[in-house]
Amino acid sequence: MKIVNRIIIVILTALIAQSPITISADTIVSSYIQFQNGELSMSVDDMDFGVLDTSNLEDTDNQTFMSDLGHFVLYKGDAELTVTDDRLDSNDGYTVTVSTEDDNWYDDSESVVATTDSMALVQLISDDEINLISSGTSTLVKTVDNSPIAHQEVIPLDNSSTDIGYAILVPASVDVSNLLGKSIHTSVVWTLGDTPSE
């Protein structure tokens, strides 16, 4: 970036018949700024689903029972997925997908206590559409076609302000008596990739 300033000076002198002499001078000032390209990055909070009460067949704030499917424990926490796009050389979009690291649930001693076949992590798209999240398939979370340059997007994972939510499905046909009183967990893999604009 270059700025050009023109300075004009008027000098009156008694030596030259008292007529004004105009002197002009050009001053060039160079100002520099350096741009550094950023990157596409993501952070995701852990999700704690709380407690599943298998004896309760009534709907609560975070639990519902459907006789043809089973118990759903809805995620109602404050976990968020945050995508930061600091790229300055393009406004390419990005895609976020989710899968599980493997198909197991573990107790606190890291012993396998159940599989995702018997207790599934699901993505809720609408009242009548769910996606099973597994290790073999990447499930779409978010697609942005043209990302605004240098911005951040925060996506709540409890479907409070988005159409997508998460839940654990325990089918009515599955015996979970060996899990009573246990805290169990599985690992979820979130993947962020850029999608070049066409």
C-alpha atoms as a PDB file:
ATOM      1  CA  MET A   1       0.000   0.000   0.000  1.00  0.00           C
ATOM      2  CA  LYS A   2       1.403   3.373  -0.985  1.00  0.00           C
ATOM      3  CA  ILE A   3       0.249   6.859   0.118  1.00  0.00           C
ATOM      4  CA  VAL A   4       1.373   9.975  -1.771  1.00  0.00           C
ATOM      5  CA  ASN A   5       1.148  13.331   0.026  1.00  0.00           C
ATOM      6  CA  ARG A   6       1.657  16.684  -1.772  1.00  0.00           C
ATOM      7  CA  ILE A   7       2.975  19.545   0.326  1.00  0.00           C
ATOM      8  CA  ILE A   8       2.663  23.079  -1.022  1.00  0.00           C
ATOM      9  CA  ILE A   9       4.620  25.950   0.559  1.00  0.00           C
ATOM     10  CA  VAL A  10       4.094  29.623  -0.194  1.00  0.00           C
ATOM     11  CA  ILE A  11       7.070  31.890   0.632  1.00  0.00           C
ATOM     12  CA  LEU A  12       6.905  35.662   0.617  1.00  0.00           C
ATOM     13  CA  THR A  13      10.174  37.450   0.178  1.00  0.00           C
ATOM     14  CA  ALA A  14      11.072  41.157   0.035  1.00  0.00           C
ATOM     15  CA  LEU A  15      13.978  40.579  -2.327  1.00  0.00           C
ATOM     16  CA  ILE A  16      12.016  39.750  -5.454  1.00  0.00           C
ATOM     17  CA  ALA A  17       9.537  42.591  -5.853  1.00  0.00           C
ATOM     18  CA  GLN A  18       7.416  41.110  -3.128  1.00  0.00           C
ATOM     19  CA  SER A  19       5.738  38.594  -5.402  1.00  0.00           C
ATOM     20  CA  PRO A  20       4.912  35.210  -3.946  1.00  0.00           C
ATOM     21  CA  ILE A  21       6.935  32.224  -5.038  1.00  0.00           C
ATOM     22  CA  THR A  22       5.254  28.842  -4.978  1.00  0.00           C
ATOM     23  CA  ILE A  23       7.402  25.810  -4.250  1.00  0.00           C
ATOM     24  CA  SER A  24       5.915  22.361  -4.380  1.00  0.00           C
ATOM     25  CA  ALA A  25       7.372  19.120  -3.119  1.00  0.00           C
ATOM     26  CA  ASP A  26       6.175  15.519  -3.448  1.00  0.00           C
ATOM     27  CA  THR A  27       6.546  13.305  -0.435  1.00  0.00           C
ATOM     28  CA  ILE A  28       6.100   9.541  -0.817  1.00  0.00           C
ATOM     29  CA  VAL A  29       5.281   7.566   2.292  1.00  0.00           C
ATOM     30  CA  SER A  30       5.262   3.778   2.071  1.00  0.00           C
ATOM     31  CA  SER A  31       3.185   1.808   4.573  1.00  0.00           C
ATOM     32  CA  TYR A  32       3.524  -1.956   4.802  1.00  0.00           C
ATOM     33  CA  ILE A  33       1.283  -4.710   6.079  1.00  0.00           C
ATOM     34  CA  GLN A  34       2.061  -8.400   5.952  1.00  0.00           C
ATOM     35  CA  PHE A  35      -0.700 -10.959   5.509  1.00  0.00           C
ATOM     36  CA  GLN A  36      -0.326 -14.463   6.859  1.00  0.00           C
ATOM     37  CA  ASN A  37      -2.680 -17.173   5.701  1.00  0.00           C
ATOM     38  CA  GLY A  38      -4.552 -19.015   8.414  1.00  0.00           C
ATOM     39  CA  GLU A  39      -6.056 -22.477   8.456  1.00  0.00           C
ATOM     40  CA  LEU A  40      -9.214 -24.433   8.931  1.00  0.00           C
ATOM     41  CA  SER A  41      -9.486 -25.840  12.461  1.00  0.00           C
ATOM     42  CA  MET A  42     -12.084 -27.405  14.745  1.00  0.00           C
ATOM     43  CA  SER A  43     -12.662 -28.142  18.416  1.00  0.00           C
ATOM     44  CA  VAL A  44     -15.387 -30.309  19.951  1.00  0.00           C
ATOM     45  CA  ASP A  45     -16.442 -30.664  23.583  1.00  0.00           C
ATOM     46  CA  ASP A  46     -17.115 -34.024  25.234  1.00  0.00           C
ATOM     47  CA  MET A  47     -20.768 -35.036  25.496  1.00  0.00           C
ATOM     48  CA  ASP A  48     -22.091 -36.423  28.803  1.00  0.00           C
ATOM     49  CA  PHE A  49     -25.542 -37.946  28.306  1.00  0.00           C
ATOM     50  CA  GLY A  50     -26.270 -38.387  32.007  1.00  0.00           C
ATOM     51  CA  VAL A  51     -28.303 -41.315  33.362  1.00  0.00           C
ATOM     52  CA  LEU A  52     -30.592 -43.757  31.558  1.00  0.00           C
ATOM     53  CA  ASP A  53     -33.457 -44.988  33.719  1.00  0.00           C
ATOM     54  CA  THR A  54     -34.631 -48.157  31.951  1.00  0.00           C
ATOM     55  CA  SER A  55     -37.513 -48.549  34.403  1.00  0.00           C
ATOM     56  CA  ASN A  56     -39.068 -45.281  33.251  1.00  0.00           C
ATOM     57  CA  LEU A  57     -41.311 -45.541  30.196  1.00  0.00           C
ATOM     58  CA  GLU A  58     -42.493 -41.933  30.423  1.00  0.00           C
ATOM     59  CA  ASP A  59     -40.910 -39.003  28.589  1.00  0.00           C
ATOM     60  CA  THR A  60     -38.603 -36.772  30.627  1.00  0.00           C
ATOM     61  CA  ASP A  61     -36.421 -33.803  29.714  1.00  0.00           C
ATOM     62  CA  ASN A  62     -33.656 -35.994  28.284  1.00  0.00           C
ATOM     63  CA  GLN A  63     -35.239 -39.415  27.890  1.00  0.00           C
ATOM     64  CA  THR A  64     -38.018 -40.893  25.820  1.00  0.00           C
ATOM     65  CA  PHE A  65     -39.315 -44.409  25.234  1.00  0.00           C
ATOM     66  CA  MET A  66     -40.721 -45.647  21.938  1.00  0.00           C
ATOM     67  CA  SER A  67     -42.270 -49.101  22.194  1.00  0.00           C
ATOM     68  CA  ASP A  68     -41.235 -50.097  18.674  1.00  0.00           C
ATOM     69  CA  LEU A  69     -37.612 -48.937  19.146  1.00  0.00           C
ATOM     70  CA  GLY A  70     -36.623 -48.618  22.795  1.00  0.00           C
ATOM     71  CA  HIS A  71     -35.105 -45.988  25.078  1.00  0.00           C
ATOM     72  CA  PHE A  72     -33.599 -42.785  23.720  1.00  0.00           C
ATOM     73  CA  VAL A  73     -31.319 -40.725  25.959  1.00  0.00           C
ATOM     74  CA  LEU A  74     -31.139 -37.266  24.376  1.00  0.00           C
ATOM     75  CA  TYR A  75     -28.038 -35.125  24.719  1.00  0.00           C
ATOM     76  CA  LYS A  76     -29.059 -31.968  26.611  1.00  0.00           C
ATOM     77  CA  GLY A  77     -25.683 -30.567  27.680  1.00  0.00           C
ATOM     78  CA  ASP A  78     -23.813 -27.475  26.553  1.00  0.00           C
ATOM     79  CA  ALA A  79     -21.149 -29.126  24.365  1.00  0.00           C
ATOM     80  CA  GLU A  80     -20.351 -27.315  21.136  1.00  0.00           C
ATOM     81  CA  LEU A  81     -18.545 -27.949  17.896  1.00  0.00           C
ATOM     82  CA  THR A  82     -16.510 -24.900  16.844  1.00  0.00           C
ATOM     83  CA  VAL A  83     -15.109 -24.447  13.330  1.00  0.00           C
ATOM     84  CA  THR A  84     -12.611 -21.630  12.801  1.00  0.00           C
ATOM     85  CA  ASP A  85     -11.805 -20.649   9.228  1.00  0.00           C
ATOM     86  CA  ASP A  86      -8.842 -18.257   9.102  1.00  0.00           C
ATOM     87  CA  ARG A  87      -7.998 -18.943   5.459  1.00  0.00           C
ATOM     88  CA  LEU A  88      -7.443 -15.701   3.549  1.00  0.00           C
ATOM     89  CA  ASP A  89      -6.604 -17.133   0.140  1.00  0.00           C
ATOM     90  CA  SER A  90     -10.052 -18.518  -0.607  1.00  0.00           C
ATOM     91  CA  ASN A  91     -13.587 -18.806   0.572  1.00  0.00           C
ATOM     92  CA  ASP A  92     -13.732 -22.541  -0.048  1.00  0.00           C
ATOM     93  CA  GLY A  93     -16.260 -24.361   2.037  1.00  0.00           C
ATOM     94  CA  TYR A  94     -15.845 -27.163   4.522  1.00  0.00           C
ATOM     95  CA  THR A  95     -17.525 -30.364   5.651  1.00  0.00           C
ATOM     96  CA  VAL A  96     -17.751 -31.880   9.131  1.00  0.00           C
ATOM     97  CA  THR A  97     -18.495 -35.583   9.574  1.00  0.00           C
ATOM     98  CA  VAL A  98     -18.730 -37.851  12.606  1.00  0.00           C
ATOM     99  CA  SER A  99     -18.107 -41.544  13.260  1.00  0.00           C
ATOM    100  CA  THR A 100     -17.152 -43.726  16.202  1.00  0.00           C
ATOM    101  CA  GLU A 101     -13.556 -44.816  16.730  1.00  0.00           C
ATOM    102  CA  ASP A 102     -14.654 -48.441  17.071  1.00  0.00           C
ATOM    103  CA  ASP A 103     -17.921 -50.291  17.704  1.00  0.00           C
ATOM    104  CA  ASN A 104     -17.591 -50.760  21.459  1.00  0.00           C
ATOM    105  CA  TRP A 105     -18.691 -49.215  24.747  1.00  0.00           C
ATOM    106  CA  TYR A 106     -16.197 -49.312  27.631  1.00  0.00           C
ATOM    107  CA  ASP A 107     -16.401 -49.089  31.417  1.00  0.00           C
ATOM    108  CA  ASP A 108     -14.058 -47.027  33.587  1.00  0.00           C
ATOM    109  CA  SER A 109     -11.411 -49.781  33.499  1.00  0.00           C
ATOM    110  CA  GLU A 110     -11.501 -49.698  29.658  1.00  0.00           C
ATOM    111  CA  SER A 111     -13.092 -53.173  29.435  1.00  0.00           C
ATOM    112  CA  VAL A 112     -15.592 -53.726  26.620  1.00  0.00           C
ATOM    113  CA  VAL A 113     -19.077 -53.974  28.148  1.00  0.00           C
ATOM    114  CA  ALA A 114     -21.320 -53.531  25.089  1.00  0.00           C
ATOM    115  CA  THR A 115     -21.219 -52.965  21.344  1.00  0.00           C
ATOM    116  CA  THR A 116     -22.822 -50.263  19.255  1.00  0.00           C
ATOM    117  CA  ASP A 117     -25.057 -52.991  17.802  1.00  0.00           C
ATOM    118  CA  SER A 118     -26.721 -53.359  21.194  1.00  0.00           C
ATOM    119  CA  MET A 119     -26.568 -49.692  22.171  1.00  0.00           C
ATOM    120  CA  ALA A 120     -26.261 -47.184  19.339  1.00  0.00           C
ATOM    121  CA  LEU A 121     -25.085 -43.599  19.204  1.00  0.00           C
ATOM    122  CA  VAL A 122     -27.463 -41.823  16.836  1.00  0.00           C
ATOM    123  CA  GLN A 123     -27.804 -38.471  15.130  1.00  0.00           C
ATOM    124  CA  LEU A 124     -31.331 -37.052  15.167  1.00  0.00           C
ATOM    125  CA  ILE A 125     -32.215 -35.216  11.953  1.00  0.00           C
ATOM    126  CA  SER A 126     -35.944 -34.822  12.521  1.00  0.00           C
ATOM    127  CA  ASP A 127     -38.752 -36.471  14.489  1.00  0.00           C
ATOM    128  CA  ASP A 128     -38.819 -39.377  12.077  1.00  0.00           C
ATOM    129  CA  GLU A 129     -35.234 -39.580  10.759  1.00  0.00           C
ATOM    130  CA  ILE A 130     -32.145 -40.849  12.570  1.00  0.00           C
ATOM    131  CA  ASN A 131     -28.635 -41.761  11.448  1.00  0.00           C
ATOM    132  CA  LEU A 132     -26.707 -44.512  13.210  1.00  0.00           C
ATOM    133  CA  ILE A 133     -23.144 -43.415  13.959  1.00  0.00           C
ATOM    134  CA  SER A 134     -20.627 -46.201  13.495  1.00  0.00           C
ATOM    135  CA  SER A 135     -16.937 -46.745  12.825  1.00  0.00           C
ATOM    136  CA  GLY A 136     -17.514 -47.838   9.235  1.00  0.00           C
ATOM    137  CA  THR A 137     -19.416 -44.809   8.000  1.00  0.00           C
ATOM    138  CA  SER A 138     -18.880 -41.053   8.152  1.00  0.00           C
ATOM    139  CA  THR A 139     -22.124 -39.292   9.018  1.00  0.00           C
ATOM    140  CA  LEU A 140     -22.552 -35.736   7.761  1.00  0.00           C
ATOM    141  CA  VAL A 141     -22.799 -33.050  10.451  1.00  0.00           C
ATOM    142  CA  LYS A 142     -22.390 -29.788   8.541  1.00  0.00           C
ATOM    143  CA  THR A 143     -21.603 -28.615   5.023  1.00  0.00           C
ATOM    144  CA  VAL A 144     -20.708 -25.024   4.158  1.00  0.00           C
ATOM    145  CA  ASP A 145     -20.317 -24.341   0.428  1.00  0.00           C
ATOM    146  CA  ASN A 146     -18.699 -20.900   0.538  1.00  0.00           C
ATOM    147  CA  SER A 147     -17.125 -20.039   3.837  1.00  0.00           C
ATOM    148  CA  PRO A 148     -16.911 -16.318   4.662  1.00  0.00           C
ATOM    149  CA  ILE A 149     -13.266 -15.299   4.914  1.00  0.00           C
ATOM    150  CA  ALA A 150     -11.917 -15.343   8.489  1.00  0.00           C
ATOM    151  CA  HIS A 151     -14.887 -16.439  10.557  1.00  0.00           C
ATOM    152  CA  GLN A 152     -15.885 -18.820  13.325  1.00  0.00           C
ATOM    153  CA  GLU A 153     -19.013 -20.947  13.536  1.00  0.00           C
ATOM    154  CA  VAL A 154     -20.251 -22.483  16.786  1.00  0.00           C
ATOM    155  CA  ILE A 155     -22.686 -25.407  16.530  1.00  0.00           C
ATOM    156  CA  PRO A 156     -24.489 -26.544  19.710  1.00  0.00           C
ATOM    157  CA  LEU A 157     -24.685 -30.342  19.892  1.00  0.00           C
ATOM    158  CA  ASP A 158     -27.971 -30.433  21.829  1.00  0.00           C
ATOM    159  CA  ASN A 159     -30.141 -29.384  18.848  1.00  0.00           C
ATOM    160  CA  SER A 160     -31.281 -26.247  20.694  1.00  0.00           C
ATOM    161  CA  SER A 161     -30.588 -23.995  17.713  1.00  0.00           C
ATOM    162  CA  THR A 162     -29.842 -26.513  14.961  1.00  0.00           C
ATOM    163  CA  ASP A 163     -31.781 -29.334  13.358  1.00  0.00           C
ATOM    164  CA  ILE A 164     -29.239 -31.950  14.399  1.00  0.00           C
ATOM    165  CA  GLY A 165     -29.121 -33.560  17.842  1.00  0.00           C
ATOM    166  CA  TYR A 166     -27.509 -36.640  19.358  1.00  0.00           C
ATOM    167  CA  ALA A 167     -28.871 -39.493  21.421  1.00  0.00           C
ATOM    168  CA  ILE A 168     -28.098 -42.996  22.628  1.00  0.00           C
ATOM    169  CA  LEU A 169     -30.594 -45.658  21.570  1.00  0.00           C
ATOM    170  CA  VAL A 170     -31.001 -48.730  23.754  1.00  0.00           C
ATOM    171  CA  PRO A 171     -33.326 -51.117  21.900  1.00  0.00           C
ATOM    172  CA  ALA A 172     -36.174 -52.564  23.973  1.00  0.00           C
ATOM    173  CA  SER A 173     -34.995 -56.090  23.066  1.00  0.00           C
ATOM    174  CA  VAL A 174     -31.499 -55.622  24.551  1.00  0.00           C
ATOM    175  CA  ASP A 175     -30.677 -56.818  28.065  1.00  0.00           C
ATOM    176  CA  VAL A 176     -28.593 -54.137  29.768  1.00  0.00           C
ATOM    177  CA  SER A 177     -28.797 -55.562  33.295  1.00  0.00           C
ATOM    178  CA  ASN A 178     -24.993 -56.051  33.360  1.00  0.00           C
ATOM    179  CA  LEU A 179     -24.598 -52.269  32.924  1.00  0.00           C
ATOM    180  CA  LEU A 180     -26.702 -51.177  35.890  1.00  0.00           C
ATOM    181  CA  GLY A 181     -24.858 -48.633  38.013  1.00  0.00           C
ATOM    182  CA  LYS A 182     -21.935 -48.409  35.564  1.00  0.00           C
ATOM    183  CA  SER A 183     -20.606 -45.376  33.739  1.00  0.00           C
ATOM    184  CA  ILE A 184     -19.765 -46.291  30.151  1.00  0.00           C
ATOM    185  CA  HIS A 185     -18.200 -44.404  27.254  1.00  0.00           C
ATOM    186  CA  THR A 186     -17.226 -44.632  23.609  1.00  0.00           C
ATOM    187  CA  SER A 187     -14.945 -42.473  21.452  1.00  0.00           C
ATOM    188  CA  VAL A 188     -16.355 -40.280  18.706  1.00  0.00           C
ATOM    189  CA  VAL A 189     -14.265 -39.069  15.750  1.00  0.00           C
ATOM    190  CA  TRP A 190     -15.118 -35.671  14.246  1.00  0.00           C
ATOM    191  CA  THR A 191     -13.509 -34.962  10.866  1.00  0.00           C
ATOM    192  CA  LEU A 192     -13.133 -31.557   9.227  1.00  0.00           C
ATOM    193  CA  GLY A 193     -12.295 -31.280   5.549  1.00  0.00           C
ATOM    194  CA  ASP A 194     -12.258 -28.444   3.050  1.00  0.00           C
ATOM    195  CA  THR A 195     -14.517 -28.495   0.024  1.00  0.00           C
ATOM    196  CA  PRO A 196     -13.101 -26.351  -2.806  1.00  0.00           C
ATOM    197  CA  SER A 197     -15.527 -23.978  -4.473  1.00  0.00           C
ATOM    198  CA  GLU A 198     -16.367 -24.726  -8.068  1.00  0.00           C
END
